[in-house]
N, C-alpha and C. Protein backbone atom coordinates (compact mmCIF):
# COMPACT_ATOMS: atom_id res chain seq x y z
N MET A 1 10.95 0.72 -21.67
CA MET A 1 10.28 1.95 -21.27
C MET A 1 9.88 1.84 -19.81
N ALA A 2 10.24 2.85 -19.03
CA ALA A 2 9.88 2.87 -17.61
C ALA A 2 8.40 3.19 -17.46
N THR A 3 7.76 2.50 -16.54
CA THR A 3 6.35 2.73 -16.29
C THR A 3 6.21 3.63 -15.07
N LYS A 4 5.50 4.73 -15.22
CA LYS A 4 5.26 5.63 -14.11
C LYS A 4 3.94 5.23 -13.47
N LEU A 5 4.00 4.91 -12.20
CA LEU A 5 2.79 4.52 -11.48
C LEU A 5 2.14 5.73 -10.84
N PHE A 6 0.85 5.65 -10.68
CA PHE A 6 0.08 6.67 -9.98
C PHE A 6 0.31 6.45 -8.48
N THR A 7 0.67 7.50 -7.77
CA THR A 7 1.06 7.37 -6.37
C THR A 7 0.07 8.08 -5.44
N LEU A 8 0.30 7.89 -4.16
CA LEU A 8 -0.53 8.59 -3.17
C LEU A 8 -0.38 10.10 -3.31
N ASP A 9 0.82 10.57 -3.58
CA ASP A 9 1.01 12.02 -3.79
C ASP A 9 0.22 12.50 -5.01
N ASP A 10 0.18 11.69 -6.06
CA ASP A 10 -0.62 12.05 -7.24
C ASP A 10 -2.10 12.13 -6.86
N LEU A 11 -2.55 11.18 -6.06
CA LEU A 11 -3.96 11.17 -5.65
C LEU A 11 -4.28 12.38 -4.78
N LYS A 12 -3.42 12.71 -3.85
CA LYS A 12 -3.66 13.87 -2.99
C LYS A 12 -3.77 15.15 -3.81
N ARG A 13 -2.85 15.31 -4.77
CA ARG A 13 -2.88 16.49 -5.63
C ARG A 13 -4.19 16.54 -6.41
N THR A 14 -4.61 15.40 -6.94
CA THR A 14 -5.83 15.34 -7.73
C THR A 14 -7.06 15.61 -6.87
N LEU A 15 -7.10 15.06 -5.67
CA LEU A 15 -8.25 15.29 -4.79
C LEU A 15 -8.34 16.76 -4.41
N ARG A 16 -7.21 17.38 -4.13
CA ARG A 16 -7.21 18.82 -3.79
C ARG A 16 -7.75 19.63 -4.96
N GLU A 17 -7.35 19.27 -6.17
CA GLU A 17 -7.79 19.99 -7.36
C GLU A 17 -9.27 19.73 -7.64
N ALA A 18 -9.72 18.50 -7.45
CA ALA A 18 -11.09 18.12 -7.79
C ALA A 18 -12.11 18.62 -6.77
N ALA A 19 -11.76 18.54 -5.50
CA ALA A 19 -12.77 18.81 -4.48
C ALA A 19 -12.26 19.59 -3.28
N GLY A 20 -11.01 19.99 -3.29
CA GLY A 20 -10.48 20.70 -2.14
C GLY A 20 -10.23 19.75 -0.98
N VAL A 21 -10.04 20.32 0.19
CA VAL A 21 -9.78 19.52 1.39
C VAL A 21 -10.75 19.98 2.48
N ALA A 22 -11.43 19.03 3.07
CA ALA A 22 -12.37 19.35 4.14
C ALA A 22 -11.61 19.91 5.34
N GLU A 23 -12.25 20.82 6.02
CA GLU A 23 -11.65 21.40 7.22
C GLU A 23 -11.37 20.31 8.25
N GLY A 24 -10.20 20.36 8.83
CA GLY A 24 -9.84 19.38 9.85
C GLY A 24 -9.25 18.09 9.31
N VAL A 25 -9.10 17.99 7.98
CA VAL A 25 -8.54 16.79 7.37
C VAL A 25 -7.08 17.03 7.03
N ASP A 26 -6.23 16.08 7.39
CA ASP A 26 -4.81 16.17 7.08
C ASP A 26 -4.49 15.11 6.02
N LEU A 27 -4.49 15.54 4.76
CA LEU A 27 -4.19 14.58 3.69
C LEU A 27 -2.75 14.11 3.74
N ASP A 28 -1.90 14.83 4.46
CA ASP A 28 -0.50 14.43 4.56
C ASP A 28 -0.28 13.41 5.67
N GLY A 29 -1.32 13.06 6.40
CA GLY A 29 -1.20 12.03 7.43
C GLY A 29 -1.25 10.64 6.80
N ASP A 30 -1.34 9.62 7.62
CA ASP A 30 -1.40 8.24 7.16
C ASP A 30 -2.83 7.92 6.72
N ILE A 31 -3.13 8.15 5.45
CA ILE A 31 -4.49 8.00 4.96
C ILE A 31 -4.66 6.86 3.97
N LEU A 32 -3.60 6.16 3.66
CA LEU A 32 -3.63 5.16 2.58
C LEU A 32 -4.78 4.16 2.72
N ASP A 33 -5.06 3.74 3.94
CA ASP A 33 -6.13 2.76 4.15
C ASP A 33 -7.32 3.34 4.90
N THR A 34 -7.42 4.66 4.91
CA THR A 34 -8.55 5.33 5.56
C THR A 34 -9.68 5.49 4.54
N GLU A 35 -10.89 5.17 4.94
CA GLU A 35 -12.01 5.28 4.00
C GLU A 35 -12.19 6.74 3.58
N PHE A 36 -12.52 6.93 2.30
CA PHE A 36 -12.69 8.27 1.77
C PHE A 36 -13.72 9.07 2.56
N GLU A 37 -14.77 8.42 2.99
CA GLU A 37 -15.82 9.11 3.74
C GLU A 37 -15.25 9.75 5.01
N VAL A 38 -14.29 9.09 5.64
CA VAL A 38 -13.68 9.59 6.88
C VAL A 38 -12.83 10.84 6.60
N ILE A 39 -12.20 10.87 5.41
CA ILE A 39 -11.36 12.03 5.10
C ILE A 39 -12.10 13.07 4.26
N GLY A 40 -13.42 12.93 4.18
CA GLY A 40 -14.25 13.99 3.62
C GLY A 40 -14.52 13.93 2.13
N TYR A 41 -14.34 12.78 1.50
CA TYR A 41 -14.60 12.68 0.07
C TYR A 41 -15.72 11.68 -0.19
N GLU A 42 -16.74 12.14 -0.90
CA GLU A 42 -17.86 11.28 -1.26
C GLU A 42 -17.73 10.87 -2.72
N SER A 43 -18.67 10.08 -3.17
CA SER A 43 -18.56 9.50 -4.52
C SER A 43 -18.45 10.55 -5.62
N LEU A 44 -19.15 11.66 -5.49
CA LEU A 44 -19.09 12.70 -6.53
C LEU A 44 -17.67 13.27 -6.64
N ALA A 45 -17.03 13.49 -5.51
CA ALA A 45 -15.65 13.99 -5.52
C ALA A 45 -14.71 12.98 -6.16
N LEU A 46 -14.95 11.70 -5.91
CA LEU A 46 -14.10 10.67 -6.49
C LEU A 46 -14.31 10.56 -8.00
N LEU A 47 -15.55 10.72 -8.44
CA LEU A 47 -15.81 10.71 -9.88
C LEU A 47 -15.12 11.89 -10.55
N GLU A 48 -15.18 13.05 -9.91
CA GLU A 48 -14.49 14.23 -10.46
C GLU A 48 -12.98 13.98 -10.49
N ALA A 49 -12.45 13.42 -9.44
CA ALA A 49 -11.01 13.10 -9.42
C ALA A 49 -10.69 12.10 -10.54
N GLY A 50 -11.56 11.13 -10.73
CA GLY A 50 -11.35 10.16 -11.81
C GLY A 50 -11.34 10.83 -13.18
N SER A 51 -12.22 11.80 -13.37
CA SER A 51 -12.25 12.53 -14.65
C SER A 51 -10.95 13.30 -14.87
N LEU A 52 -10.46 13.94 -13.83
CA LEU A 52 -9.19 14.66 -13.95
C LEU A 52 -8.05 13.71 -14.30
N ILE A 53 -8.05 12.56 -13.66
CA ILE A 53 -6.99 11.56 -13.92
C ILE A 53 -7.08 11.08 -15.37
N GLU A 54 -8.30 10.82 -15.84
CA GLU A 54 -8.47 10.37 -17.22
C GLU A 54 -7.90 11.39 -18.20
N ARG A 55 -8.18 12.67 -17.96
CA ARG A 55 -7.68 13.72 -18.87
C ARG A 55 -6.17 13.85 -18.77
N GLU A 56 -5.65 13.81 -17.54
CA GLU A 56 -4.21 14.00 -17.35
C GLU A 56 -3.38 12.84 -17.91
N TYR A 57 -3.86 11.62 -17.71
CA TYR A 57 -3.08 10.45 -18.09
C TYR A 57 -3.53 9.80 -19.40
N GLY A 58 -4.62 10.28 -19.97
CA GLY A 58 -5.09 9.73 -21.24
C GLY A 58 -5.56 8.30 -21.12
N ILE A 59 -6.21 7.97 -20.00
CA ILE A 59 -6.74 6.62 -19.79
C ILE A 59 -8.24 6.72 -19.52
N SER A 60 -8.90 5.58 -19.54
CA SER A 60 -10.32 5.50 -19.22
C SER A 60 -10.49 4.61 -18.00
N LEU A 61 -11.08 5.17 -16.96
CA LEU A 61 -11.26 4.41 -15.72
C LEU A 61 -12.63 3.76 -15.69
N ASP A 62 -12.72 2.59 -15.12
CA ASP A 62 -13.98 1.88 -14.94
C ASP A 62 -14.75 2.57 -13.82
N GLU A 63 -15.88 3.22 -14.17
CA GLU A 63 -16.64 3.97 -13.16
C GLU A 63 -17.08 3.09 -12.00
N GLU A 64 -17.44 1.84 -12.28
CA GLU A 64 -17.86 0.94 -11.22
C GLU A 64 -16.69 0.66 -10.26
N ALA A 65 -15.51 0.45 -10.82
CA ALA A 65 -14.32 0.19 -9.98
C ALA A 65 -13.97 1.43 -9.16
N VAL A 66 -14.10 2.61 -9.78
CA VAL A 66 -13.84 3.85 -9.04
C VAL A 66 -14.85 3.99 -7.90
N GLY A 67 -16.11 3.67 -8.19
CA GLY A 67 -17.15 3.77 -7.18
C GLY A 67 -16.97 2.79 -6.03
N GLU A 68 -16.36 1.65 -6.31
CA GLU A 68 -16.13 0.64 -5.27
C GLU A 68 -14.85 0.88 -4.49
N ALA A 69 -13.98 1.75 -4.99
CA ALA A 69 -12.72 2.05 -4.29
C ALA A 69 -13.05 2.94 -3.09
N ASN A 70 -12.94 2.38 -1.92
CA ASN A 70 -13.35 3.16 -0.73
C ASN A 70 -12.17 3.68 0.09
N THR A 71 -10.95 3.39 -0.35
CA THR A 71 -9.77 3.93 0.33
C THR A 71 -8.80 4.46 -0.73
N PRO A 72 -7.89 5.34 -0.36
CA PRO A 72 -6.88 5.78 -1.32
C PRO A 72 -6.11 4.62 -1.93
N ARG A 73 -5.75 3.61 -1.14
CA ARG A 73 -5.01 2.47 -1.69
C ARG A 73 -5.80 1.78 -2.80
N SER A 74 -7.08 1.53 -2.58
CA SER A 74 -7.86 0.84 -3.60
C SER A 74 -8.08 1.74 -4.83
N PHE A 75 -8.20 3.05 -4.63
CA PHE A 75 -8.36 3.97 -5.75
C PHE A 75 -7.08 3.98 -6.60
N ILE A 76 -5.94 4.04 -5.94
CA ILE A 76 -4.65 4.02 -6.63
C ILE A 76 -4.51 2.72 -7.43
N ASP A 77 -4.93 1.61 -6.85
CA ASP A 77 -4.87 0.32 -7.56
C ASP A 77 -5.72 0.35 -8.82
N VAL A 78 -6.90 0.97 -8.75
CA VAL A 78 -7.77 1.07 -9.93
C VAL A 78 -7.07 1.88 -11.02
N VAL A 79 -6.47 2.99 -10.64
CA VAL A 79 -5.78 3.83 -11.63
C VAL A 79 -4.60 3.08 -12.24
N ASN A 80 -3.80 2.47 -11.41
CA ASN A 80 -2.61 1.78 -11.92
C ASN A 80 -2.97 0.57 -12.78
N ALA A 81 -4.12 -0.05 -12.52
CA ALA A 81 -4.56 -1.17 -13.34
C ALA A 81 -4.83 -0.72 -14.77
N GLN A 82 -5.26 0.53 -14.94
CA GLN A 82 -5.50 1.06 -16.28
C GLN A 82 -4.27 1.74 -16.86
N LEU A 83 -3.46 2.30 -16.00
CA LEU A 83 -2.29 3.07 -16.44
C LEU A 83 -1.19 2.18 -17.01
N ALA A 84 -0.92 1.06 -16.39
CA ALA A 84 0.18 0.20 -16.84
C ALA A 84 -0.03 -0.29 -18.28
N PRO A 85 -1.21 -0.83 -18.63
CA PRO A 85 -1.40 -1.26 -20.03
C PRO A 85 -1.33 -0.10 -21.01
N ALA A 86 -1.81 1.08 -20.60
CA ALA A 86 -1.79 2.25 -21.49
C ALA A 86 -0.36 2.67 -21.77
N GLN A 87 0.52 2.55 -20.78
CA GLN A 87 1.90 2.96 -20.96
C GLN A 87 2.69 1.91 -21.74
N ALA A 88 2.24 0.65 -21.68
CA ALA A 88 2.93 -0.42 -22.40
C ALA A 88 2.63 -0.37 -23.89
N ALA A 89 1.49 0.25 -24.23
CA ALA A 89 1.07 0.31 -25.64
C ALA A 89 1.91 1.28 -26.46
């Protein structure tokens, strides 16, 4: 069975849906290692994004790990850490 990983494009779509995009922010730029605070997302927006991901992918994310993810790369890693075992089951 092929494992579908959560990608930066998936995260961008989810962030737009959860909290929109701050004026002057280009989510299509090189943001992978940019801190969320710099691109206009605070912890509440990330928790909302996490909730959307949980519903869409049928997984449960560790709220502490989501809260500690301060860049898109680290957030994606948190999601994929939960997604891979869920897809293997």
